[in-house]
PDB file of N, CA and C in Angstrom:
ATOM      1  N   MET A   1    -137.845 -79.392  57.468  1.00  0.00           N
ATOM      2  CA  MET A   1    -137.801 -78.143  58.214  1.00  0.00           C
ATOM      3  C   MET A   1    -136.460 -77.461  57.972  1.00  0.00           C
ATOM      4  N   ILE A   2    -136.504 -76.164  57.834  1.00  0.00           N
ATOM      5  CA  ILE A   2    -135.315 -75.374  57.574  1.00  0.00           C
ATOM      6  C   ILE A   2    -134.648 -75.014  58.896  1.00  0.00           C
ATOM      7  N   ARG A   3    -133.347 -75.294  58.985  1.00  0.00           N
ATOM      8  CA  ARG A   3    -132.602 -74.958  60.200  1.00  0.00           C
ATOM      9  C   ARG A   3    -132.502 -73.447  60.342  1.00  0.00           C
ATOM     10  N   GLN A   4    -132.507 -73.004  61.559  1.00  0.00           N
ATOM     11  CA  GLN A   4    -132.427 -71.575  61.855  1.00  0.00           C
ATOM     12  C   GLN A   4    -131.200 -70.950  61.208  1.00  0.00           C
ATOM     13  N   SER A   5    -130.080 -71.667  61.217  1.00  0.00           N
ATOM     14  CA  SER A   5    -128.846 -71.116  60.661  1.00  0.00           C
ATOM     15  C   SER A   5    -128.908 -70.937  59.154  1.00  0.00           C
ATOM     16  N   ASP A   6    -129.814 -71.647  58.478  1.00  0.00           N
ATOM     17  CA  ASP A   6    -129.940 -71.540  57.025  1.00  0.00           C
ATOM     18  C   ASP A   6    -130.952 -70.487  56.589  1.00  0.00           C
ATOM     19  N   LYS A   7    -131.781 -70.036  57.483  1.00  0.00           N
ATOM     20  CA  LYS A   7    -132.838 -69.081  57.118  1.00  0.00           C
ATOM     21  C   LYS A   7    -132.275 -67.776  56.561  1.00  0.00           C
ATOM     22  N   GLY A   8    -131.210 -67.284  57.136  1.00  0.00           N
ATOM     23  CA  GLY A   8    -130.602 -66.046  56.657  1.00  0.00           C
ATOM     24  C   GLY A   8    -130.084 -66.178  55.235  1.00  0.00           C
ATOM     25  N   ASN A   9    -129.471 -67.316  54.940  1.00  0.00           N
ATOM     26  CA  ASN A   9    -128.958 -67.549  53.593  1.00  0.00           C
ATOM     27  C   ASN A   9    -130.093 -67.670  52.582  1.00  0.00           C
ATOM     28  N   LEU A  10    -131.174 -68.318  52.965  1.00  0.00           N
ATOM     29  CA  LEU A  10    -132.323 -68.436  52.060  1.00  0.00           C
ATOM     30  C   LEU A  10    -132.937 -67.068  51.801  1.00  0.00           C
ATOM     31  N   LYS A  11    -132.973 -66.221  52.817  1.00  0.00           N
ATOM     32  CA  LYS A  11    -133.509 -64.870  52.664  1.00  0.00           C
ATOM     33  C   LYS A  11    -132.631 -64.063  51.712  1.00  0.00           C
ATOM     34  N   LYS A  12    -131.304 -64.184  51.857  1.00  0.00           N
ATOM     35  CA  LYS A  12    -130.385 -63.479  50.961  1.00  0.00           C
ATOM     36  C   LYS A  12    -130.568 -63.943  49.520  1.00  0.00           C
ATOM     37  N   LEU A  13    -130.696 -65.240  49.328  1.00  0.00           N
ATOM     38  CA  LEU A  13    -130.916 -65.781  47.985  1.00  0.00           C
ATOM     39  C   LEU A  13    -132.216 -65.238  47.411  1.00  0.00           C
ATOM     40  N   GLY A  14    -133.266 -65.271  48.189  1.00  0.00           N
ATOM     41  CA  GLY A  14    -134.555 -64.771  47.736  1.00  0.00           C
ATOM     42  C   GLY A  14    -134.514 -63.297  47.382  1.00  0.00           C
ATOM     43  N   THR A  15    -133.821 -62.522  48.194  1.00  0.00           N
ATOM     44  CA  THR A  15    -133.678 -61.094  47.924  1.00  0.00           C
ATOM     45  C   THR A  15    -132.938 -60.873  46.609  1.00  0.00           C
ATOM     46  N   ASN A  16    -131.912 -61.676  46.364  1.00  0.00           N
ATOM     47  CA  ASN A  16    -131.153 -61.551  45.123  1.00  0.00           C
ATOM     48  C   ASN A  16    -132.019 -61.920  43.918  1.00  0.00           C
ATOM     49  N   ILE A  17    -132.792 -62.977  44.034  1.00  0.00           N
ATOM     50  CA  ILE A  17    -133.674 -63.382  42.942  1.00  0.00           C
ATOM     51  C   ILE A  17    -134.676 -62.270  42.643  1.00  0.00           C
ATOM     52  N   LYS A  18    -135.258 -61.702  43.677  1.00  0.00           N
ATOM     53  CA  LYS A  18    -136.218 -60.619  43.477  1.00  0.00           C
ATOM     54  C   LYS A  18    -135.553 -59.414  42.827  1.00  0.00           C
ATOM     55  N   ARG A  19    -134.364 -59.064  43.297  1.00  0.00           N
ATOM     56  CA  ARG A  19    -133.625 -57.932  42.731  1.00  0.00           C
ATOM     57  C   ARG A  19    -133.353 -58.150  41.247  1.00  0.00           C
ATOM     58  N   LEU A  20    -132.929 -59.347  40.890  1.00  0.00           N
ATOM     59  CA  LEU A  20    -132.640 -59.659  39.487  1.00  0.00           C
ATOM     60  C   LEU A  20    -133.913 -59.657  38.647  1.00  0.00           C
ATOM     61  N   ARG A  21    -134.993 -60.189  39.195  1.00  0.00           N
ATOM     62  CA  ARG A  21    -136.282 -60.204  38.481  1.00  0.00           C
ATOM     63  C   ARG A  21    -136.746 -58.779  38.219  1.00  0.00           C
ATOM     64  N   GLU A  22    -136.689 -57.945  39.229  1.00  0.00           N
ATOM     65  CA  GLU A  22    -137.133 -56.564  39.082  1.00  0.00           C
ATOM     66  C   GLU A  22    -136.226 -55.777  38.138  1.00  0.00           C
ATOM     67  N   ALA A  23    -134.934 -56.084  38.131  1.00  0.00           N
ATOM     68  CA  ALA A  23    -134.012 -55.416  37.213  1.00  0.00           C
ATOM     69  C   ALA A  23    -134.360 -55.724  35.752  1.00  0.00           C
ATOM     70  N   LYS A  24    -134.970 -56.885  35.542  1.00  0.00           N
ATOM     71  CA  LYS A  24    -135.412 -57.275  34.193  1.00  0.00           C
ATOM     72  C   LYS A  24    -136.851 -56.821  33.924  1.00  0.00           C
ATOM     73  N   ASN A  25    -137.416 -56.085  34.864  1.00  0.00           N
ATOM     74  CA  ASN A  25    -138.802 -55.610  34.763  1.00  0.00           C
ATOM     75  C   ASN A  25    -139.793 -56.751  34.540  1.00  0.00           C
ATOM     76  N   LEU A  26    -139.589 -57.849  35.259  1.00  0.00           N
ATOM     77  CA  LEU A  26    -140.478 -59.002  35.163  1.00  0.00           C
ATOM     78  C   LEU A  26    -141.379 -59.074  36.388  1.00  0.00           C
ATOM     79  N   SER A  27    -142.633 -59.372  36.160  1.00  0.00           N
ATOM     80  CA  SER A  27    -143.536 -59.637  37.275  1.00  0.00           C
ATOM     81  C   SER A  27    -143.318 -61.082  37.729  1.00  0.00           C
ATOM     82  N   LEU A  28    -143.872 -61.415  38.887  1.00  0.00           N
ATOM     83  CA  LEU A  28    -143.814 -62.816  39.333  1.00  0.00           C
ATOM     84  C   LEU A  28    -144.443 -63.733  38.291  1.00  0.00           C
ATOM     85  N   ARG A  29    -145.552 -63.309  37.739  1.00  0.00           N
ATOM     86  CA  ARG A  29    -146.262 -64.113  36.743  1.00  0.00           C
ATOM     87  C   ARG A  29    -145.412 -64.330  35.491  1.00  0.00           C
ATOM     88  N   GLU A  30    -144.740 -63.282  35.040  1.00  0.00           N
ATOM     89  CA  GLU A  30    -143.900 -63.400  33.845  1.00  0.00           C
ATOM     90  C   GLU A  30    -142.720 -64.340  34.083  1.00  0.00           C
ATOM     91  N   LEU A  31    -142.085 -64.216  35.251  1.00  0.00           N
ATOM     92  CA  LEU A  31    -140.985 -65.123  35.575  1.00  0.00           C
ATOM     93  C   LEU A  31    -141.506 -66.543  35.713  1.00  0.00           C
ATOM     94  N   SER A  32    -142.644 -66.692  36.326  1.00  0.00           N
ATOM     95  CA  SER A  32    -143.266 -68.002  36.486  1.00  0.00           C
ATOM     96  C   SER A  32    -143.474 -68.670  35.129  1.00  0.00           C
ATOM     97  N   TYR A  33    -143.992 -67.929  34.202  1.00  0.00           N
ATOM     98  CA  TYR A  33    -144.238 -68.453  32.861  1.00  0.00           C
ATOM     99  C   TYR A  33    -142.922 -68.817  32.166  1.00  0.00           C
ATOM    100  N   ALA A  34    -141.912 -67.963  32.322  1.00  0.00           N
ATOM    101  CA  ALA A  34    -140.629 -68.176  31.650  1.00  0.00           C
ATOM    102  C   ALA A  34    -139.877 -69.398  32.162  1.00  0.00           C
ATOM    103  N   CYS A  35    -140.062 -69.731  33.434  1.00  0.00           N
ATOM    104  CA  CYS A  35    -139.303 -70.863  33.995  1.00  0.00           C
ATOM    105  C   CYS A  35    -140.177 -72.046  34.383  1.00  0.00           C
ATOM    106  N   ASP A  36    -141.468 -71.939  34.136  1.00  0.00           N
ATOM    107  CA  ASP A  36    -142.413 -73.030  34.420  1.00  0.00           C
ATOM    108  C   ASP A  36    -142.402 -73.429  35.902  1.00  0.00           C
ATOM    109  N   ILE A  37    -142.402 -72.399  36.748  1.00  0.00           N
ATOM    110  CA  ILE A  37    -142.501 -72.589  38.196  1.00  0.00           C
ATOM    111  C   ILE A  37    -143.687 -71.756  38.657  1.00  0.00           C
ATOM    112  N   ASP A  38    -144.522 -72.321  39.503  1.00  0.00           N
ATOM    113  CA  ASP A  38    -145.703 -71.627  39.990  1.00  0.00           C
ATOM    114  C   ASP A  38    -145.316 -70.303  40.641  1.00  0.00           C
ATOM    115  N   ASN A  39    -146.074 -69.243  40.335  1.00  0.00           N
ATOM    116  CA  ASN A  39    -145.709 -67.930  40.878  1.00  0.00           C
ATOM    117  C   ASN A  39    -145.806 -67.868  42.403  1.00  0.00           C
ATOM    118  N   SER A  40    -146.651 -68.673  43.008  1.00  0.00           N
ATOM    119  CA  SER A  40    -146.701 -68.689  44.476  1.00  0.00           C
ATOM    120  C   SER A  40    -145.417 -69.298  45.053  1.00  0.00           C
ATOM    121  N   LYS A  41    -144.830 -70.253  44.336  1.00  0.00           N
ATOM    122  CA  LYS A  41    -143.561 -70.837  44.779  1.00  0.00           C
ATOM    123  C   LYS A  41    -142.435 -69.812  44.637  1.00  0.00           C
ATOM    124  N   ILE A  42    -142.444 -69.063  43.541  1.00  0.00           N
ATOM    125  CA  ILE A  42    -141.424 -68.033  43.363  1.00  0.00           C
ATOM    126  C   ILE A  42    -141.543 -66.979  44.463  1.00  0.00           C
ATOM    127  N   SER A  43    -142.754 -66.618  44.813  1.00  0.00           N
ATOM    128  CA  SER A  43    -142.969 -65.663  45.897  1.00  0.00           C
ATOM    129  C   SER A  43    -142.362 -66.183  47.203  1.00  0.00           C
ATOM    130  N   LYS A  44    -142.583 -67.451  47.494  1.00  0.00           N
ATOM    131  CA  LYS A  44    -142.021 -68.055  48.714  1.00  0.00           C
ATOM    132  C   LYS A  44    -140.503 -68.104  48.652  1.00  0.00           C
ATOM    133  N   ILE A  45    -139.955 -68.373  47.462  1.00  0.00           N
ATOM    134  CA  ILE A  45    -138.499 -68.388  47.288  1.00  0.00           C
ATOM    135  C   ILE A  45    -137.943 -66.996  47.572  1.00  0.00           C
ATOM    136  N   GLU A  46    -138.571 -65.980  47.002  1.00  0.00           N
ATOM    137  CA  GLU A  46    -138.103 -64.605  47.192  1.00  0.00           C
ATOM    138  C   GLU A  46    -138.187 -64.150  48.651  1.00  0.00           C
ATOM    139  N   LYS A  47    -139.092 -64.718  49.398  1.00  0.00           N
ATOM    140  CA  LYS A  47    -139.223 -64.385  50.820  1.00  0.00           C
ATOM    141  C   LYS A  47    -138.323 -65.247  51.703  1.00  0.00           C
ATOM    142  N   GLY A  48    -137.613 -66.200  51.095  1.00  0.00           N
ATOM    143  CA  GLY A  48    -136.730 -67.078  51.852  1.00  0.00           C
ATOM    144  C   GLY A  48    -137.468 -68.114  52.674  1.00  0.00           C
ATOM    145  N   GLN A  49    -138.687 -68.446  52.265  1.00  0.00           N
ATOM    146  CA  GLN A  49    -139.515 -69.362  53.038  1.00  0.00           C
ATOM    147  C   GLN A  49    -139.305 -70.833  52.688  1.00  0.00           C
ATOM    148  N   ILE A  50    -138.726 -71.093  51.515  1.00  0.00           N
ATOM    149  CA  ILE A  50    -138.508 -72.491  51.129  1.00  0.00           C
ATOM    150  C   ILE A  50    -137.093 -72.677  50.577  1.00  0.00           C
ATOM    151  N   ASN A  51    -136.602 -73.875  50.727  1.00  0.00           N
ATOM    152  CA  ASN A  51    -135.314 -74.266  50.182  1.00  0.00           C
ATOM    153  C   ASN A  51    -135.557 -74.784  48.772  1.00  0.00           C
ATOM    154  N   ILE A  52    -134.700 -74.424  47.836  1.00  0.00           N
ATOM    155  CA  ILE A  52    -134.930 -74.830  46.454  1.00  0.00           C
ATOM    156  C   ILE A  52    -133.866 -75.816  45.991  1.00  0.00           C
ATOM    157  N   THR A  53    -134.201 -76.543  44.948  1.00  0.00           N
ATOM    158  CA  THR A  53    -133.292 -77.533  44.395  1.00  0.00           C
ATOM    159  C   THR A  53    -132.371 -76.903  43.360  1.00  0.00           C
ATOM    160  N   PHE A  54    -131.360 -77.642  42.991  1.00  0.00           N
ATOM    161  CA  PHE A  54    -130.439 -77.199  41.956  1.00  0.00           C
ATOM    162  C   PHE A  54    -131.183 -77.004  40.636  1.00  0.00           C
ATOM    163  N   THR A  55    -132.121 -77.883  40.355  1.00  0.00           N
ATOM    164  CA  THR A  55    -132.911 -77.770  39.132  1.00  0.00           C
ATOM    165  C   THR A  55    -133.684 -76.457  39.113  1.00  0.00           C
ATOM    166  N   THR A  56    -134.237 -76.064  40.226  1.00  0.00           N
ATOM    167  CA  THR A  56    -134.964 -74.802  40.315  1.00  0.00           C
ATOM    168  C   THR A  56    -134.020 -73.628  40.084  1.00  0.00           C
ATOM    169  N   ILE A  57    -132.824 -73.695  40.636  1.00  0.00           N
ATOM    170  CA  ILE A  57    -131.823 -72.650  40.416  1.00  0.00           C
ATOM    171  C   ILE A  57    -131.529 -72.533  38.922  1.00  0.00           C
ATOM    172  N   LEU A  58    -131.355 -73.666  38.255  1.00  0.00           N
ATOM    173  CA  LEU A  58    -131.084 -73.651  36.819  1.00  0.00           C
ATOM    174  C   LEU A  58    -132.249 -73.056  36.030  1.00  0.00           C
ATOM    175  N   GLN A  59    -133.469 -73.410  36.389  1.00  0.00           N
ATOM    176  CA  GLN A  59    -134.651 -72.878  35.702  1.00  0.00           C
ATOM    177  C   GLN A  59    -134.744 -71.363  35.864  1.00  0.00           C
ATOM    178  N   LEU A  60    -134.552 -70.891  37.086  1.00  0.00           N
ATOM    179  CA  LEU A  60    -134.620 -69.453  37.345  1.00  0.00           C
ATOM    180  C   LEU A  60    -133.513 -68.703  36.610  1.00  0.00           C
ATOM    181  N   ALA A  61    -132.303 -69.231  36.646  1.00  0.00           N
ATOM    182  CA  ALA A  61    -131.178 -68.579  35.970  1.00  0.00           C
ATOM    183  C   ALA A  61    -131.430 -68.486  34.469  1.00  0.00           C
ATOM    184  N   LYS A  62    -131.907 -69.552  33.891  1.00  0.00           N
ATOM    185  CA  LYS A  62    -132.182 -69.556  32.455  1.00  0.00           C
ATOM    186  C   LYS A  62    -133.257 -68.525  32.115  1.00  0.00           C
ATOM    187  N   ALA A  63    -134.325 -68.485  32.896  1.00  0.00           N
ATOM    188  CA  ALA A  63    -135.412 -67.544  32.641  1.00  0.00           C
ATOM    189  C   ALA A  63    -134.952 -66.096  32.804  1.00  0.00           C
ATOM    190  N   LEU A  64    -134.025 -65.858  33.731  1.00  0.00           N
ATOM    191  CA  LEU A  64    -133.505 -64.517  33.960  1.00  0.00           C
ATOM    192  C   LEU A  64    -132.334 -64.183  33.037  1.00  0.00           C
ATOM    193  N   GLU A  65    -131.931 -65.162  32.230  1.00  0.00           N
ATOM    194  CA  GLU A  65    -130.830 -65.005  31.270  1.00  0.00           C
ATOM    195  C   GLU A  65    -129.527 -64.619  31.962  1.00  0.00           C
ATOM    196  N   ILE A  66    -129.232 -65.335  33.043  1.00  0.00           N
ATOM    197  CA  ILE A  66    -127.994 -65.142  33.789  1.00  0.00           C
ATOM    198  C   ILE A  66    -127.413 -66.511  34.119  1.00  0.00           C
ATOM    199  N   SER A  67    -126.194 -66.519  34.599  1.00  0.00           N
ATOM    200  CA  SER A  67    -125.584 -67.784  35.006  1.00  0.00           C
ATOM    201  C   SER A  67    -126.097 -68.168  36.400  1.00  0.00           C
ATOM    202  N   PRO A  68    -126.103 -69.461  36.690  1.00  0.00           N
ATOM    203  CA  PRO A  68    -126.497 -69.885  38.045  1.00  0.00           C
ATOM    204  C   PRO A  68    -125.628 -69.237  39.122  1.00  0.00           C
ATOM    205  N   SER A  69    -124.348 -69.032  38.828  1.00  0.00           N
ATOM    206  CA  SER A  69    -123.474 -68.408  39.836  1.00  0.00           C
ATOM    207  C   SER A  69    -123.893 -66.973  40.125  1.00  0.00           C
ATOM    208  N   GLU A  70    -124.367 -66.262  39.114  1.00  0.00           N
ATOM    209  CA  GLU A  70    -124.859 -64.892  39.333  1.00  0.00           C
ATOM    210  C   GLU A  70    -126.098 -64.905  40.219  1.00  0.00           C
ATOM    211  N   LEU A  71    -126.933 -65.901  40.018  1.00  0.00           N
ATOM    212  CA  LEU A  71    -128.158 -66.036  40.813  1.00  0.00           C
ATOM    213  C   LEU A  71    -127.807 -66.281  42.284  1.00  0.00           C
ATOM    214  N   LEU A  72    -126.733 -67.011  42.524  1.00  0.00           N
ATOM    215  CA  LEU A  72    -126.360 -67.390  43.881  1.00  0.00           C
ATOM    216  C   LEU A  72    -125.543 -66.335  44.615  1.00  0.00           C
ATOM    217  N   LYS A  73    -125.129 -65.293  43.927  1.00  0.00           N
ATOM    218  CA  LYS A  73    -124.357 -64.231  44.587  1.00  0.00           C
ATOM    219  C   LYS A  73    -125.256 -63.526  45.596  1.00  0.00           C
ATOM    220  N   THR A  74    -124.798 -63.459  46.797  1.00  0.00           N
ATOM    221  CA  THR A  74    -125.588 -62.791  47.836  1.00  0.00           C
ATOM    222  C   THR A  74    -124.789 -61.677  48.512  1.00  0.00           C
ATOM    223  N   ASP A  75    -123.627 -61.346  47.964  1.00  0.00           N
ATOM    224  CA  ASP A  75    -122.778 -60.326  48.579  1.00  0.00           C
ATOM    225  C   ASP A  75    -122.853 -59.006  47.822  1.00  0.00           C
ATOM    226  N   TYR A  76    -123.994 -58.706  47.234  1.00  0.00           N
ATOM    227  CA  TYR A  76    -124.146 -57.511  46.421  1.00  0.00           C
ATOM    228  C   TYR A  76    -124.365 -56.245  47.246  1.00  0.00           C
ATOM    229  N   GLU A  77    -124.654 -56.409  48.515  1.00  0.00           N
ATOM    230  CA  GLU A  77    -124.969 -55.232  49.351  1.00  0.00           C
ATOM    231  C   GLU A  77    -123.719 -54.478  49.735  1.00  0.00           C
TER     232      GLU A  77
END
């Protein structure tokens, strides 16, 4: 179960992932194919509904052609 205090951070991460995906003009399906992660899982990640592993962060960063640190930046607003 995700602690209430972590939900905001997961939402920020998900928003950043979605922003980066859309900036690359990728659909959920295209990103899913590029990183070998189910598109329903990516949707949940983007909504901040699930906590992800370091391996998932690496897969997403590689598919988006960015560094993991760029993926984790949540202070873009």
